[in-house]
N, C-alpha and C. Protein backbone atom coordinates (compact mmCIF):
# COMPACT_ATOMS: atom_id res chain seq x y z
N MET A 1 0.97 -57.57 79.42
CA MET A 1 1.34 -56.56 78.85
C MET A 1 0.07 -55.87 77.65
N LYS A 2 0.43 -54.51 77.45
CA LYS A 2 -1.17 -54.03 76.61
C LYS A 2 -0.93 -53.94 75.27
N TYR A 3 0.70 -53.69 74.69
CA TYR A 3 1.39 -53.53 73.14
C TYR A 3 2.33 -55.12 72.79
N ASN A 4 2.63 -54.84 71.90
CA ASN A 4 3.37 -56.13 71.50
C ASN A 4 4.98 -54.90 71.75
N LEU A 5 5.35 -54.96 73.00
CA LEU A 5 6.61 -54.31 73.01
C LEU A 5 7.93 -54.70 72.35
N SER A 6 8.36 -55.97 71.52
CA SER A 6 9.12 -55.91 70.51
C SER A 6 8.35 -55.31 69.42
N GLU A 7 7.49 -55.25 69.02
CA GLU A 7 7.37 -54.39 67.45
C GLU A 7 7.66 -53.34 67.75
N ILE A 8 6.97 -52.93 68.85
CA ILE A 8 7.06 -51.17 68.79
C ILE A 8 8.59 -50.64 68.87
N THR A 9 9.63 -51.46 69.68
CA THR A 9 10.98 -51.57 69.57
C THR A 9 11.18 -51.26 68.65
N GLU A 10 11.23 -52.86 67.87
CA GLU A 10 11.69 -52.49 66.56
C GLU A 10 11.38 -51.53 65.46
N LEU A 11 10.10 -50.86 65.74
CA LEU A 11 9.90 -49.64 65.04
C LEU A 11 10.93 -48.64 64.85
N ILE A 12 10.74 -47.82 66.67
CA ILE A 12 11.48 -47.30 66.82
C ILE A 12 12.98 -47.34 66.42
N ARG A 13 13.48 -47.95 66.42
CA ARG A 13 14.90 -48.72 66.08
C ARG A 13 15.28 -49.20 64.83
N ASN A 14 13.87 -48.72 64.07
CA ASN A 14 14.70 -49.02 62.63
C ASN A 14 14.07 -47.73 61.78
N ARG A 15 13.36 -46.73 62.88
CA ARG A 15 13.01 -45.04 62.21
C ARG A 15 15.03 -44.92 61.41
N ARG A 16 14.29 -44.43 60.25
CA ARG A 16 15.71 -43.71 59.74
C ARG A 16 15.39 -41.97 59.17
N SER A 17 16.58 -41.46 59.08
CA SER A 17 16.20 -39.99 58.54
C SER A 17 16.83 -40.42 56.34
N ILE A 18 15.76 -40.41 55.73
CA ILE A 18 16.13 -40.54 54.17
C ILE A 18 15.70 -39.69 53.77
N ALA A 19 17.23 -39.46 52.96
CA ALA A 19 17.09 -38.05 52.09
C ALA A 19 16.55 -38.50 50.41
N PRO A 20 15.67 -37.13 50.35
CA PRO A 20 15.26 -37.17 48.65
C PRO A 20 15.57 -38.21 48.12
N GLU A 21 17.08 -37.75 47.62
CA GLU A 21 17.88 -38.22 46.84
C GLU A 21 17.97 -39.75 46.55
N GLN A 22 17.10 -40.07 48.02
CA GLN A 22 17.48 -41.62 48.04
C GLN A 22 15.75 -41.95 47.49
N PHE A 23 15.17 -41.29 47.27
CA PHE A 23 13.61 -41.97 46.84
C PHE A 23 13.57 -42.21 46.17
N SER A 24 12.64 -43.35 45.56
CA SER A 24 11.97 -43.81 43.95
C SER A 24 10.84 -42.82 43.89
N GLY A 25 10.65 -43.27 42.62
CA GLY A 25 9.67 -42.32 41.59
C GLY A 25 8.06 -42.62 42.54
N ARG A 26 7.56 -44.19 43.26
CA ARG A 26 6.83 -43.97 44.29
C ARG A 26 6.04 -43.12 44.64
N LYS A 27 4.57 -42.83 43.78
CA LYS A 27 3.83 -41.83 44.88
C LYS A 27 3.05 -42.52 46.38
N VAL A 28 3.30 -41.80 47.32
CA VAL A 28 2.80 -41.56 48.29
C VAL A 28 1.11 -41.04 48.45
N HIS A 29 0.33 -41.64 48.81
CA HIS A 29 -0.85 -41.46 48.45
C HIS A 29 -1.58 -40.45 49.57
N ARG A 30 -2.47 -39.97 49.18
CA ARG A 30 -3.15 -38.66 50.58
C ARG A 30 -3.45 -39.35 51.70
N GLU A 31 -3.87 -40.62 51.37
CA GLU A 31 -4.82 -41.00 52.43
C GLU A 31 -3.73 -41.70 53.44
N ILE A 32 -2.23 -42.13 52.95
CA ILE A 32 -1.45 -41.97 53.93
C ILE A 32 -1.23 -40.54 54.65
N VAL A 33 -0.33 -40.14 53.89
CA VAL A 33 -0.15 -38.54 53.79
C VAL A 33 -1.13 -38.17 55.40
N SER A 34 -2.60 -38.27 55.54
CA SER A 34 -3.23 -37.90 56.53
C SER A 34 -3.24 -38.66 57.56
N ASN A 35 -2.57 -40.05 57.65
CA ASN A 35 -2.94 -40.73 58.53
C ASN A 35 -1.33 -40.67 59.25
N VAL A 36 -0.72 -40.49 58.26
CA VAL A 36 0.68 -39.55 58.95
C VAL A 36 0.59 -38.33 60.18
N LEU A 37 -0.07 -37.32 59.14
CA LEU A 37 -0.57 -36.00 60.20
C LEU A 37 -1.14 -36.38 61.26
N THR A 38 -2.36 -37.39 61.11
CA THR A 38 -3.20 -37.27 62.41
C THR A 38 -2.69 -38.33 63.32
N ASN A 39 -1.26 -38.70 63.28
CA ASN A 39 -0.83 -39.99 64.31
C ASN A 39 0.05 -38.59 65.23
N ALA A 40 0.75 -37.76 64.24
CA ALA A 40 1.16 -36.35 65.03
C ALA A 40 0.19 -35.60 65.58
N LEU A 41 -0.93 -35.84 65.69
CA LEU A 41 -1.38 -34.48 66.43
C LEU A 41 -1.42 -35.25 67.81
N TRP A 42 -1.70 -36.21 68.00
CA TRP A 42 -1.52 -37.33 69.44
C TRP A 42 -0.12 -37.17 69.93
N ALA A 43 0.51 -36.06 69.58
CA ALA A 43 2.12 -36.27 70.53
C ALA A 43 1.38 -34.95 71.84
N PRO A 44 2.50 -34.93 72.80
CA PRO A 44 1.70 -34.39 74.12
C PRO A 44 1.89 -32.69 74.06
N SER A 45 1.53 -32.11 74.47
CA SER A 45 1.78 -30.56 74.66
C SER A 45 1.29 -30.38 75.53
N HIS A 46 1.84 -29.53 76.47
CA HIS A 46 1.86 -28.92 77.68
C HIS A 46 0.79 -28.08 77.22
N GLY A 47 -0.35 -27.97 78.85
CA GLY A 47 -1.49 -27.33 78.40
C GLY A 47 -2.66 -27.89 77.11
N LEU A 48 -2.49 -28.99 76.61
CA LEU A 48 -3.00 -29.56 75.37
C LEU A 48 -3.12 -28.01 74.18
N THR A 49 -2.39 -27.17 74.23
CA THR A 49 -2.26 -26.66 73.10
C THR A 49 -2.06 -26.89 72.16
N GLN A 50 -1.45 -28.08 71.21
CA GLN A 50 -1.19 -28.36 70.35
C GLN A 50 -1.26 -27.20 69.39
N PRO A 51 0.25 -26.76 69.51
CA PRO A 51 0.74 -26.21 68.54
C PRO A 51 1.49 -26.20 66.94
N TRP A 52 1.44 -27.36 67.02
CA TRP A 52 1.46 -28.05 65.31
C TRP A 52 0.57 -27.05 64.46
N ARG A 53 1.21 -26.91 63.13
CA ARG A 53 0.49 -26.84 61.98
C ARG A 53 1.22 -27.30 61.14
N PHE A 54 0.77 -27.71 59.98
CA PHE A 54 0.84 -28.79 58.40
C PHE A 54 0.69 -27.70 57.24
N LYS A 55 1.30 -27.59 56.55
CA LYS A 55 1.31 -27.36 55.36
C LYS A 55 2.52 -28.10 54.39
N VAL A 56 1.05 -29.04 53.74
CA VAL A 56 1.19 -30.55 52.75
C VAL A 56 1.51 -30.08 51.36
N PHE A 57 2.57 -29.81 50.83
CA PHE A 57 2.89 -29.68 49.40
C PHE A 57 2.32 -30.91 48.62
N MET A 58 1.89 -30.67 47.75
CA MET A 58 1.52 -32.13 46.81
C MET A 58 1.66 -31.47 45.52
N ASP A 59 1.57 -32.15 44.34
CA ASP A 59 1.41 -32.64 43.35
C ASP A 59 2.00 -31.36 42.23
N GLU A 60 1.37 -30.13 41.87
CA GLU A 60 1.91 -29.09 41.38
C GLU A 60 2.44 -27.85 42.70
N GLY A 61 1.91 -28.02 43.71
CA GLY A 61 2.58 -27.74 44.73
C GLY A 61 4.23 -27.97 45.16
N LEU A 62 4.50 -29.04 44.29
CA LEU A 62 5.99 -29.43 44.40
C LEU A 62 7.18 -28.53 43.74
N LYS A 63 6.33 -28.12 42.26
CA LYS A 63 6.86 -27.41 41.30
C LYS A 63 6.77 -25.96 41.62
N ARG A 64 5.80 -25.49 42.56
CA ARG A 64 5.91 -24.21 43.38
C ARG A 64 7.29 -24.28 44.37
N LEU A 65 7.29 -25.30 44.70
CA LEU A 65 8.67 -25.03 46.04
C LEU A 65 9.84 -25.01 45.34
N SER A 66 9.74 -26.05 44.23
CA SER A 66 10.96 -26.57 43.30
C SER A 66 11.49 -24.62 42.37
N ARG A 67 10.68 -23.52 42.50
CA ARG A 67 10.89 -22.63 42.11
C ARG A 67 11.52 -22.02 43.40
N ASP A 68 10.43 -21.89 44.36
CA ASP A 68 10.78 -20.57 45.47
C ASP A 68 11.86 -21.15 46.62
N LEU A 69 11.81 -22.51 46.22
CA LEU A 69 13.09 -22.50 47.34
C LEU A 69 14.02 -22.16 47.26
N PRO A 70 15.03 -22.54 45.68
CA PRO A 70 16.07 -21.36 45.67
C PRO A 70 16.03 -19.90 45.72
N ASP A 71 14.89 -19.25 45.57
CA ASP A 71 14.57 -18.61 46.04
C ASP A 71 15.25 -17.47 47.17
N PHE A 72 14.59 -18.41 48.26
CA PHE A 72 14.50 -18.18 49.24
C PHE A 72 16.12 -18.13 50.23
N TYR A 73 16.61 -19.57 50.02
CA TYR A 73 17.94 -19.44 50.11
C TYR A 73 18.65 -18.78 49.32
N MET A 74 18.70 -18.19 48.27
CA MET A 74 19.70 -17.19 47.44
C MET A 74 19.31 -15.34 49.00
N LYS A 75 18.34 -15.77 48.89
CA LYS A 75 17.94 -14.42 49.43
C LYS A 75 18.57 -14.13 51.04
N HIS A 76 18.29 -15.47 51.53
CA HIS A 76 18.50 -15.10 53.60
C HIS A 76 20.14 -16.38 53.41
N THR A 77 21.07 -16.03 52.52
CA THR A 77 22.02 -16.93 52.48
C THR A 77 22.94 -15.48 52.38
N PRO A 78 24.18 -15.09 53.05
CA PRO A 78 25.35 -13.90 53.05
C PRO A 78 26.27 -14.94 51.96
N GLU A 79 26.59 -14.16 51.10
CA GLU A 79 27.34 -14.34 50.15
C GLU A 79 28.77 -15.13 50.44
N THR A 80 29.24 -14.79 51.71
CA THR A 80 30.80 -15.72 51.83
C THR A 80 29.77 -17.51 52.39
N LYS A 81 28.16 -17.55 52.55
CA LYS A 81 28.62 -19.18 52.72
C LYS A 81 27.28 -19.30 51.88
N PHE A 82 27.30 -18.63 50.88
CA PHE A 82 26.69 -19.43 49.36
C PHE A 82 27.41 -20.38 48.92
N SER A 83 26.58 -21.52 48.57
CA SER A 83 26.74 -22.59 47.65
C SER A 83 25.57 -22.71 46.27
N GLU A 84 26.07 -23.29 45.02
CA GLU A 84 25.42 -23.41 44.17
C GLU A 84 25.09 -24.94 44.71
N ALA A 85 25.69 -25.69 44.92
CA ALA A 85 25.12 -27.38 45.04
C ALA A 85 24.05 -27.01 45.87
N LYS A 86 24.07 -26.56 47.13
CA LYS A 86 23.24 -26.86 47.79
C LYS A 86 21.55 -25.82 47.18
N ARG A 87 21.62 -24.44 46.61
CA ARG A 87 20.68 -23.72 45.96
C ARG A 87 19.93 -24.73 44.86
N ASP A 88 20.89 -25.35 43.92
CA ASP A 88 20.27 -26.77 43.04
C ASP A 88 19.83 -27.60 43.92
N ARG A 89 20.17 -27.99 45.32
CA ARG A 89 19.38 -28.96 45.92
C ARG A 89 18.23 -29.00 46.33
N PHE A 90 17.89 -27.20 46.37
CA PHE A 90 16.59 -26.63 46.98
C PHE A 90 15.62 -26.80 45.63
N ARG A 91 16.17 -26.64 44.15
CA ARG A 91 15.26 -27.04 43.20
C ARG A 91 15.00 -28.42 42.99
N GLU A 92 15.89 -29.28 43.06
CA GLU A 92 15.91 -30.79 42.62
C GLU A 92 14.84 -31.36 43.88
N ARG A 93 15.43 -31.15 45.14
CA ARG A 93 14.74 -32.23 46.33
C ARG A 93 13.26 -32.35 45.70
N PRO A 94 12.42 -31.27 45.54
CA PRO A 94 10.91 -31.48 45.59
C PRO A 94 10.50 -32.35 44.35
N LEU A 95 10.97 -32.44 43.19
CA LEU A 95 11.36 -33.37 42.05
C LEU A 95 11.44 -34.23 42.29
N HIS A 96 11.85 -34.63 43.60
CA HIS A 96 12.60 -35.99 43.84
C HIS A 96 11.25 -36.98 44.52
N CYS A 97 10.33 -35.73 45.39
CA CYS A 97 9.40 -36.13 45.99
C CYS A 97 7.48 -36.33 45.25
N SER A 98 6.90 -36.56 46.08
CA SER A 98 5.74 -37.29 45.97
C SER A 98 4.65 -36.08 47.23
N VAL A 99 5.46 -35.77 48.06
CA VAL A 99 4.87 -34.81 49.02
C VAL A 99 6.13 -34.39 50.16
N ILE A 100 5.86 -33.33 50.05
CA ILE A 100 6.81 -31.85 51.05
C ILE A 100 5.90 -31.66 52.43
N ILE A 101 6.30 -31.99 53.82
CA ILE A 101 5.28 -30.91 54.52
C ILE A 101 6.09 -29.69 55.33
N PHE A 102 5.60 -28.75 55.94
CA PHE A 102 6.45 -27.83 56.00
C PHE A 102 5.95 -28.03 57.50
N VAL A 103 6.52 -28.10 58.80
CA VAL A 103 6.37 -28.47 59.61
C VAL A 103 6.64 -26.82 60.59
N CYS A 104 5.09 -26.49 61.46
CA CYS A 104 5.00 -25.27 61.88
C CYS A 104 4.45 -24.96 62.93
N MET A 105 4.56 -23.60 63.44
CA MET A 105 3.92 -23.98 65.26
C MET A 105 3.47 -22.38 65.65
N GLU A 106 2.19 -22.40 65.71
CA GLU A 106 1.29 -21.55 66.84
C GLU A 106 1.12 -21.28 67.80
N CYS A 107 1.94 -20.79 68.66
CA CYS A 107 2.03 -20.43 70.00
C CYS A 107 0.65 -20.50 70.62
N ASP A 108 0.59 -20.90 72.58
CA ASP A 108 -0.45 -20.42 72.80
C ASP A 108 -0.94 -19.29 73.26
N PRO A 109 -2.20 -18.46 72.43
CA PRO A 109 -2.38 -17.59 72.19
C PRO A 109 -2.07 -16.39 73.49
N LYS A 110 -2.81 -17.09 74.92
CA LYS A 110 -2.33 -16.65 75.74
C LYS A 110 -1.21 -16.52 76.46
N GLY A 111 -0.06 -17.04 75.79
CA GLY A 111 1.27 -16.73 75.98
C GLY A 111 1.65 -17.42 77.78
N VAL A 112 0.80 -18.52 78.06
CA VAL A 112 0.77 -19.22 79.59
C VAL A 112 2.27 -20.38 79.14
N ILE A 113 2.12 -20.29 78.03
CA ILE A 113 3.36 -21.99 78.13
C ILE A 113 4.73 -21.28 77.23
N PRO A 114 5.26 -21.13 78.07
CA PRO A 114 6.86 -20.96 76.98
C PRO A 114 7.16 -21.66 75.91
N GLU A 115 7.68 -20.57 75.07
CA GLU A 115 7.52 -20.99 73.58
C GLU A 115 8.67 -22.47 73.55
N ILE A 116 9.28 -22.79 74.13
CA ILE A 116 10.49 -23.48 74.01
C ILE A 116 9.76 -24.62 74.70
N GLU A 117 8.73 -24.66 75.01
CA GLU A 117 8.11 -26.00 75.42
C GLU A 117 6.83 -26.07 74.41
N GLU A 118 6.34 -25.27 73.61
CA GLU A 118 5.92 -25.64 72.20
C GLU A 118 6.27 -26.02 71.38
N VAL A 119 7.50 -25.15 71.11
CA VAL A 119 8.73 -26.29 70.34
C VAL A 119 8.78 -27.70 70.85
N GLU A 120 9.32 -28.14 71.89
CA GLU A 120 9.41 -29.54 72.08
C GLU A 120 7.99 -30.46 71.85
N ALA A 121 7.21 -29.35 72.00
CA ALA A 121 5.76 -30.26 71.63
C ALA A 121 5.77 -30.62 69.56
N VAL A 122 6.03 -30.32 69.41
CA VAL A 122 6.20 -29.94 67.79
C VAL A 122 7.18 -31.25 67.54
N ALA A 123 7.96 -31.18 68.21
CA ALA A 123 9.62 -32.36 67.80
C ALA A 123 8.55 -33.49 68.06
N CYS A 124 8.19 -33.21 69.33
CA CYS A 124 7.21 -35.17 69.44
C CYS A 124 6.35 -35.71 67.90
N ALA A 125 5.88 -34.56 67.70
CA ALA A 125 4.75 -34.69 67.01
C ALA A 125 5.67 -35.30 65.29
N VAL A 126 6.68 -34.59 65.02
CA VAL A 126 7.82 -35.33 64.01
C VAL A 126 8.06 -36.51 64.30
N GLN A 127 8.68 -36.83 65.59
CA GLN A 127 8.75 -38.16 65.80
C GLN A 127 7.53 -39.18 65.02
N ASN A 128 6.38 -38.79 65.84
CA ASN A 128 4.99 -39.19 65.77
C ASN A 128 5.02 -39.42 64.09
N MET A 129 5.45 -38.68 63.21
CA MET A 129 5.16 -38.54 61.51
C MET A 129 6.46 -39.45 61.36
N HIS A 130 7.94 -39.56 61.85
CA HIS A 130 8.94 -40.65 61.50
C HIS A 130 8.11 -41.89 61.55
N LEU A 131 7.70 -42.24 63.20
CA LEU A 131 7.71 -43.45 63.06
C LEU A 131 6.71 -44.02 62.20
N THR A 132 5.43 -43.54 62.26
CA THR A 132 4.04 -43.75 61.51
C THR A 132 4.79 -43.90 59.49
N CYS A 133 5.51 -43.26 59.45
CA CYS A 133 6.39 -43.61 58.03
C CYS A 133 7.33 -44.65 57.60
N THR A 134 7.57 -44.86 58.99
CA THR A 134 8.53 -46.21 59.13
C THR A 134 7.75 -47.49 58.88
N ALA A 135 6.28 -47.08 59.74
CA ALA A 135 5.61 -48.57 59.50
C ALA A 135 5.43 -48.51 58.56
N TYR A 136 4.61 -47.69 57.25
CA TYR A 136 4.01 -47.73 56.16
C TYR A 136 6.04 -47.83 55.12
N GLY A 137 7.01 -48.03 55.69
CA GLY A 137 7.97 -48.62 54.59
C GLY A 137 8.46 -47.00 54.02
N ILE A 138 7.84 -45.75 54.40
CA ILE A 138 8.28 -44.65 53.94
C ILE A 138 9.29 -44.02 54.63
N GLY A 139 10.58 -43.53 53.53
CA GLY A 139 11.47 -42.55 54.72
C GLY A 139 10.86 -41.06 54.70
N GLY A 140 11.45 -40.66 56.39
CA GLY A 140 11.15 -39.19 56.42
C GLY A 140 12.68 -38.96 56.31
N PHE A 141 12.41 -37.38 56.29
CA PHE A 141 13.72 -36.91 56.57
C PHE A 141 13.47 -35.31 56.89
N TRP A 142 13.36 -34.72 58.06
CA TRP A 142 12.86 -33.51 58.47
C TRP A 142 14.41 -32.42 59.14
N THR A 143 14.66 -31.67 57.57
CA THR A 143 15.60 -30.36 57.34
C THR A 143 15.34 -29.52 57.79
N THR A 144 16.53 -28.31 58.48
CA THR A 144 16.02 -27.13 59.41
C THR A 144 17.25 -26.38 58.60
N PRO A 145 16.72 -25.90 57.25
CA PRO A 145 17.56 -24.86 56.60
C PRO A 145 17.26 -23.58 57.28
N ALA A 146 17.97 -22.64 57.38
CA ALA A 146 18.35 -21.42 57.87
C ALA A 146 17.24 -20.42 57.31
N PHE A 147 16.62 -20.33 56.21
CA PHE A 147 16.11 -19.62 55.85
C PHE A 147 14.50 -19.75 56.14
N ILE A 148 14.05 -21.09 56.67
CA ILE A 148 12.46 -21.25 57.38
C ILE A 148 12.28 -20.35 58.32
N TYR A 149 13.39 -20.19 58.90
CA TYR A 149 13.03 -19.13 60.19
C TYR A 149 12.65 -17.82 60.05
N THR A 150 12.48 -17.14 58.88
CA THR A 150 12.42 -15.83 58.42
C THR A 150 10.70 -15.51 58.38
N ASP A 151 10.60 -14.39 58.68
CA ASP A 151 9.33 -13.86 58.64
C ASP A 151 9.04 -13.62 57.17
N ASP A 152 9.63 -13.43 55.62
CA ASP A 152 9.72 -13.82 54.47
C ASP A 152 8.56 -15.57 54.03
N MET A 153 9.30 -16.42 54.95
CA MET A 153 9.06 -17.76 55.40
C MET A 153 7.97 -17.75 56.09
N ARG A 154 7.10 -16.80 57.33
CA ARG A 154 6.24 -17.07 57.86
C ARG A 154 4.95 -16.36 56.35
N LYS A 155 5.30 -15.27 55.85
CA LYS A 155 4.13 -14.85 55.29
C LYS A 155 4.01 -15.87 54.28
N TYR A 156 4.62 -16.53 53.84
CA TYR A 156 4.83 -17.41 52.19
C TYR A 156 4.25 -18.69 52.99
N LEU A 157 3.98 -18.90 53.81
CA LEU A 157 3.22 -20.14 54.50
C LEU A 157 1.73 -19.86 54.85
N GLY A 158 1.65 -18.61 54.88
CA GLY A 158 0.23 -17.98 56.13
C GLY A 158 0.17 -17.94 57.02
N LEU A 159 1.08 -18.18 57.70
CA LEU A 159 1.53 -18.45 59.79
C LEU A 159 0.68 -16.89 59.67
N ALA A 160 0.07 -17.01 61.06
CA ALA A 160 -0.34 -15.91 61.93
C ALA A 160 0.71 -15.59 62.52
N GLU A 161 0.67 -14.04 62.86
CA GLU A 161 2.11 -13.53 63.46
C GLU A 161 2.39 -14.26 64.94
N GLY A 162 3.45 -14.09 64.75
CA GLY A 162 4.06 -15.28 66.08
C GLY A 162 4.34 -16.34 65.40
N GLY A 163 3.71 -16.59 64.03
CA GLY A 163 3.88 -18.28 64.08
C GLY A 163 5.42 -18.37 63.49
N LYS A 164 6.35 -19.84 63.16
CA LYS A 164 6.79 -20.05 63.02
C LYS A 164 7.43 -21.60 61.95
N CYS A 165 8.30 -21.34 61.01
CA CYS A 165 8.15 -22.89 60.67
C CYS A 165 9.29 -23.37 61.15
N LEU A 166 9.24 -25.14 61.75
CA LEU A 166 10.50 -25.38 62.33
C LEU A 166 11.01 -26.40 61.21
N GLY A 167 10.89 -26.91 60.37
CA GLY A 167 11.19 -27.65 59.86
C GLY A 167 10.58 -28.13 58.40
N ILE A 168 11.50 -28.65 56.79
CA ILE A 168 10.51 -29.25 56.14
C ILE A 168 10.52 -30.52 56.38
N PHE A 169 10.07 -31.30 55.76
CA PHE A 169 9.70 -32.78 55.92
C PHE A 169 9.28 -33.16 54.86
N TYR A 170 10.46 -33.81 54.31
CA TYR A 170 10.13 -34.63 52.94
C TYR A 170 9.86 -36.23 53.33
N MET A 171 8.75 -37.11 52.05
CA MET A 171 8.12 -38.35 52.42
C MET A 171 8.63 -38.63 51.01
N GLY A 172 9.08 -40.05 51.10
CA GLY A 172 8.73 -41.10 49.89
C GLY A 172 9.51 -42.21 50.33
N TYR A 173 8.91 -43.27 49.17
CA TYR A 173 9.87 -44.46 49.15
C TYR A 173 10.88 -44.65 49.22
N PRO A 174 11.84 -45.50 50.02
CA PRO A 174 13.19 -45.30 49.20
C PRO A 174 13.46 -46.60 48.39
N ALA A 175 14.44 -45.40 47.16
CA ALA A 175 14.53 -46.36 45.85
C ALA A 175 15.24 -47.80 46.36
N GLY A 176 16.29 -48.09 47.45
CA GLY A 176 17.24 -49.09 47.53
C GLY A 176 16.72 -49.82 48.93
N GLU A 177 17.64 -50.54 49.49
CA GLU A 177 17.82 -51.15 50.63
C GLU A 177 17.29 -50.23 51.97
N TRP A 178 16.10 -50.91 52.94
CA TRP A 178 16.25 -49.49 54.18
C TRP A 178 17.79 -49.50 55.16
N PRO A 179 18.28 -48.10 54.93
CA PRO A 179 19.78 -48.17 55.49
C PRO A 179 19.67 -48.09 57.42
N GLN A 180 21.11 -49.07 57.71
CA GLN A 180 21.54 -49.35 58.86
C GLN A 180 21.56 -48.24 59.61
N SER A 181 21.47 -48.12 60.68
CA SER A 181 22.56 -47.30 62.12
C SER A 181 23.13 -47.56 63.42
N HIS A 182 23.35 -46.74 64.13
CA HIS A 182 23.78 -47.48 65.33
C HIS A 182 23.56 -46.27 66.19
N ARG A 183 23.54 -46.59 67.27
CA ARG A 183 23.57 -45.34 68.66
C ARG A 183 24.69 -46.32 69.99
N LYS A 184 25.36 -44.62 70.59
CA LYS A 184 25.60 -45.23 71.52
C LYS A 184 25.56 -45.93 72.60
N PRO A 185 26.14 -46.96 73.25
CA PRO A 185 25.63 -47.55 74.47
C PRO A 185 24.56 -47.15 75.47
N LEU A 186 23.78 -46.87 76.23
CA LEU A 186 23.04 -46.45 76.92
C LEU A 186 24.29 -45.46 78.25
N GLU A 187 25.10 -46.99 78.86
CA GLU A 187 25.99 -46.23 79.98
C GLU A 187 26.76 -44.92 79.43
N TYR A 188 26.91 -44.33 78.08
CA TYR A 188 27.68 -43.62 77.85
C TYR A 188 26.80 -42.09 77.62
N VAL A 189 25.77 -42.61 78.13
CA VAL A 189 24.52 -40.93 77.94
C VAL A 189 23.67 -40.77 79.65
N THR A 190 24.02 -41.71 80.48
CA THR A 190 23.06 -42.14 81.14
C THR A 190 23.73 -41.91 82.43
N GLU A 191 23.18 -41.20 83.35
CA GLU A 191 23.65 -41.43 85.01
C GLU A 191 22.16 -41.69 85.72
N TRP A 192 23.11 -42.64 86.54
CA TRP A 192 21.67 -42.86 87.74
C TRP A 192 22.10 -42.81 88.88
N ILE A 193 21.16 -41.77 89.32
CA ILE A 193 21.36 -41.14 90.71
C ILE A 193 20.23 -42.02 91.63
N ILE A 194 20.88 -42.53 92.92
CA ILE A 194 20.26 -43.70 93.76
C ILE A 194 20.38 -43.22 95.18
N SER A 195 21.07 -41.96 94.72
CA SER A 195 21.29 -41.98 96.57
C SER A 195 20.67 -40.53 97.11
N ASP A 196 20.31 -39.89 97.95
CA ASP A 196 19.99 -39.08 98.95
C ASP A 196 21.08 -37.90 98.83
N VAL A 197 22.22 -38.28 99.12
CA VAL A 197 23.79 -37.79 99.08
C VAL A 197 24.11 -36.89 98.23
N GLU A 198 24.51 -35.87 97.96
CA GLU A 198 25.00 -34.56 97.21
C GLU A 198 26.22 -35.21 97.18
N SER A 199 27.13 -35.52 95.36
CA SER A 199 28.07 -35.58 95.74
C SER A 199 29.10 -34.34 94.70
N TYR A 200 29.91 -33.87 94.81
CA TYR A 200 30.63 -33.03 93.90
C TYR A 200 32.02 -33.43 93.65
């Protein structure tokens, strides 16, 4: 076997979504962020379009997000769905982090690859980010508030026409124990087709 499968399996099964409210004040250094993003670059993409783009906010940039994200939420949330608690969360979360990455996409300009396949490629890149964070003992949290899909957000992030933000990825060292989780057994979600005879 080329790699240690037990270690890889343990890494995959220990990946967790850990919210910024659970982060400690320990700083995630820029070199680690670079390694996380470099591993993201090695995700598969159809036609090797590599559609992922990353906007990394650190240091004073986090204060900017603490100021601006509540405004995005208020502007793009209908009054019937508005929550003061959510608005406040957008203000506070950047202050719990030492790095926030906006995960974005710019599709193949030739238009050969369907957009859904570019989205899938970016999702694979995010999984690489998550796994690399886990290896470092860093929590990752990918969230997708509705306002990230707006043209206002595209312009705010300096994306090209047609570019899209697909999520906000928060990184930080957990303050407490690494959380546990579980999954449904394989038989609940898998069908094995072993015959060439169609069944109805």
